[in-house]
Amino acid sequence: MIVTKTREELEIMRRAALMVSKTLAMVAAEIKPGVTTLKLDTMAEEFIRDHGAIPGFKGLYDCPSTLLISPNEEVVHGIPKDVEIKDGDVLSVDCGAS
């Protein structure tokens, strides 16, 4: 079954996607050796809330974070930790907002 979205629903989705895009761009600029994934998560939540939006993942199914970050071979959708990023680490970062 195909569900057609109203213009209002599409606008809500567009604004949420734009907020996520801006948040991920900000986070990407802050990724460097020595920064923890927990710090990135804190920055992302502040950024989203400062722009009048709500983190989409935090509290959803008991998710404790705004970002889901997985370094290197860690399984996708990892919970941010107080572990520093090292030079050469590869990160997967996911974010949601409404």
C-alpha atoms as a PDB file:
ATOM      1  CA  MET A   1       0.000   0.000   0.000  1.00  0.00           C
ATOM      2  CA  ILE A   2       1.330   3.408  -0.954  1.00  0.00           C
ATOM      3  CA  VAL A   3       0.645   6.217   1.512  1.00  0.00           C
ATOM      4  CA  THR A   4       0.702   9.691   0.022  1.00  0.00           C
ATOM      5  CA  LYS A   5       2.112  12.419   2.246  1.00  0.00           C
ATOM      6  CA  THR A   6       0.454  15.797   2.567  1.00  0.00           C
ATOM      7  CA  ARG A   7       2.387  18.973   1.809  1.00  0.00           C
ATOM      8  CA  GLU A   8       2.579  19.629   5.546  1.00  0.00           C
ATOM      9  CA  GLU A   9       3.992  16.152   6.252  1.00  0.00           C
ATOM     10  CA  LEU A  10       6.555  16.572   3.481  1.00  0.00           C
ATOM     11  CA  GLU A  11       7.593  19.954   4.907  1.00  0.00           C
ATOM     12  CA  ILE A  12       8.074  18.419   8.370  1.00  0.00           C
ATOM     13  CA  MET A  13      10.239  15.681   6.832  1.00  0.00           C
ATOM     14  CA  ARG A  14      12.225  18.243   4.813  1.00  0.00           C
ATOM     15  CA  ARG A  15      12.953  20.365   7.903  1.00  0.00           C
ATOM     16  CA  ALA A  16      14.021  17.301   9.907  1.00  0.00           C
ATOM     17  CA  ALA A  17      16.327  16.124   7.112  1.00  0.00           C
ATOM     18  CA  LEU A  18      17.877  19.591   6.845  1.00  0.00           C
ATOM     19  CA  MET A  19      18.497  19.657  10.623  1.00  0.00           C
ATOM     20  CA  VAL A  20      20.174  16.236  10.467  1.00  0.00           C
ATOM     21  CA  SER A  21      22.291  17.356   7.501  1.00  0.00           C
ATOM     22  CA  LYS A  22      23.474  20.480   9.334  1.00  0.00           C
ATOM     23  CA  THR A  23      24.150  18.485  12.510  1.00  0.00           C
ATOM     24  CA  LEU A  24      26.210  15.860  10.688  1.00  0.00           C
ATOM     25  CA  ALA A  25      28.208  18.609   8.937  1.00  0.00           C
ATOM     26  CA  MET A  26      28.967  20.222  12.304  1.00  0.00           C
ATOM     27  CA  VAL A  27      29.943  16.868  13.826  1.00  0.00           C
ATOM     28  CA  ALA A  28      32.157  16.017  10.837  1.00  0.00           C
ATOM     29  CA  ALA A  29      34.052  19.292  11.319  1.00  0.00           C
ATOM     30  CA  GLU A  30      34.724  18.376  14.974  1.00  0.00           C
ATOM     31  CA  ILE A  31      35.999  14.829  14.393  1.00  0.00           C
ATOM     32  CA  LYS A  32      39.713  14.741  15.164  1.00  0.00           C
ATOM     33  CA  PRO A  33      42.140  12.729  17.272  1.00  0.00           C
ATOM     34  CA  GLY A  34      41.597  13.251  20.999  1.00  0.00           C
ATOM     35  CA  VAL A  35      37.875  14.060  20.814  1.00  0.00           C
ATOM     36  CA  THR A  36      35.589  11.454  22.385  1.00  0.00           C
ATOM     37  CA  THR A  37      32.458  10.130  20.727  1.00  0.00           C
ATOM     38  CA  LEU A  38      30.633  11.153  23.909  1.00  0.00           C
ATOM     39  CA  LYS A  39      31.783  14.773  23.383  1.00  0.00           C
ATOM     40  CA  LEU A  40      30.537  14.649  19.779  1.00  0.00           C
ATOM     41  CA  ASP A  41      27.186  13.387  21.058  1.00  0.00           C
ATOM     42  CA  THR A  42      26.933  16.260  23.564  1.00  0.00           C
ATOM     43  CA  MET A  43      27.797  18.779  20.854  1.00  0.00           C
ATOM     44  CA  ALA A  44      25.191  17.306  18.500  1.00  0.00           C
ATOM     45  CA  GLU A  45      22.431  17.435  21.110  1.00  0.00           C
ATOM     46  CA  GLU A  46      23.237  21.060  21.979  1.00  0.00           C
ATOM     47  CA  PHE A  47      23.330  21.988  18.280  1.00  0.00           C
ATOM     48  CA  ILE A  48      19.963  20.368  17.569  1.00  0.00           C
ATOM     49  CA  ARG A  49      18.266  21.893  20.618  1.00  0.00           C
ATOM     50  CA  ASP A  50      19.832  25.330  19.970  1.00  0.00           C
ATOM     51  CA  HIS A  51      18.150  25.240  16.551  1.00  0.00           C
ATOM     52  CA  GLY A  52      14.725  24.499  18.038  1.00  0.00           C
ATOM     53  CA  ALA A  53      14.636  20.820  17.111  1.00  0.00           C
ATOM     54  CA  ILE A  54      14.534  17.619  19.163  1.00  0.00           C
ATOM     55  CA  PRO A  55      17.054  14.761  18.952  1.00  0.00           C
ATOM     56  CA  GLY A  56      15.291  11.884  17.203  1.00  0.00           C
ATOM     57  CA  PHE A  57      17.079   8.901  18.728  1.00  0.00           C
ATOM     58  CA  LYS A  58      17.478   9.978  22.356  1.00  0.00           C
ATOM     59  CA  GLY A  59      14.853   8.189  24.442  1.00  0.00           C
ATOM     60  CA  LEU A  60      13.550   6.161  21.491  1.00  0.00           C
ATOM     61  CA  TYR A  61      13.568   2.495  22.565  1.00  0.00           C
ATOM     62  CA  ASP A  62      15.639   3.590  25.589  1.00  0.00           C
ATOM     63  CA  CYS A  63      18.425   5.005  23.381  1.00  0.00           C
ATOM     64  CA  PRO A  64      20.626   7.127  25.678  1.00  0.00           C
ATOM     65  CA  SER A  65      22.206   9.291  22.982  1.00  0.00           C
ATOM     66  CA  THR A  66      21.595  11.784  20.191  1.00  0.00           C
ATOM     67  CA  LEU A  67      24.158  10.196  17.879  1.00  0.00           C
ATOM     68  CA  LEU A  68      24.896   6.556  17.193  1.00  0.00           C
ATOM     69  CA  ILE A  69      28.630   6.250  16.507  1.00  0.00           C
ATOM     70  CA  SER A  70      30.664   3.195  15.620  1.00  0.00           C
ATOM     71  CA  PRO A  71      34.449   3.414  15.285  1.00  0.00           C
ATOM     72  CA  ASN A  72      36.281   1.022  12.985  1.00  0.00           C
ATOM     73  CA  GLU A  73      34.962  -2.548  13.143  1.00  0.00           C
ATOM     74  CA  GLU A  74      32.459  -1.897  15.952  1.00  0.00           C
ATOM     75  CA  VAL A  75      28.949  -2.963  15.016  1.00  0.00           C
ATOM     76  CA  VAL A  76      26.836  -0.181  13.507  1.00  0.00           C
ATOM     77  CA  HIS A  77      24.748   2.067  15.788  1.00  0.00           C
ATOM     78  CA  GLY A  78      27.141   2.074  18.723  1.00  0.00           C
ATOM     79  CA  ILE A  79      26.444   4.165  21.812  1.00  0.00           C
ATOM     80  CA  PRO A  80      28.898   7.097  22.248  1.00  0.00           C
ATOM     81  CA  LYS A  81      31.563   6.521  24.904  1.00  0.00           C
ATOM     82  CA  ASP A  82      34.246   8.452  26.743  1.00  0.00           C
ATOM     83  CA  VAL A  83      36.908   6.969  24.447  1.00  0.00           C
ATOM     84  CA  GLU A  84      39.113   9.250  22.364  1.00  0.00           C
ATOM     85  CA  ILE A  85      39.164   9.067  18.591  1.00  0.00           C
ATOM     86  CA  LYS A  86      42.573   8.092  17.246  1.00  0.00           C
ATOM     87  CA  ASP A  87      44.246   9.162  14.017  1.00  0.00           C
ATOM     88  CA  GLY A  88      43.136   6.776  11.274  1.00  0.00           C
ATOM     89  CA  ASP A  89      39.883   5.712  12.963  1.00  0.00           C
ATOM     90  CA  VAL A  90      36.935   5.262  10.614  1.00  0.00           C
ATOM     91  CA  LEU A  91      33.615   6.371  12.116  1.00  0.00           C
ATOM     92  CA  SER A  92      30.032   5.569  11.224  1.00  0.00           C
ATOM     93  CA  VAL A  93      27.760   8.348  12.524  1.00  0.00           C
ATOM     94  CA  ASP A  94      23.952   8.303  12.505  1.00  0.00           C
ATOM     95  CA  CYS A  95      21.608  11.048  13.674  1.00  0.00           C
ATOM     96  CA  GLY A  96      17.911  11.845  13.733  1.00  0.00           C
ATOM     97  CA  ALA A  97      15.912  14.963  14.582  1.00  0.00           C
ATOM     98  CA  SER A  98      12.378  16.269  14.589  1.00  0.00           C
END
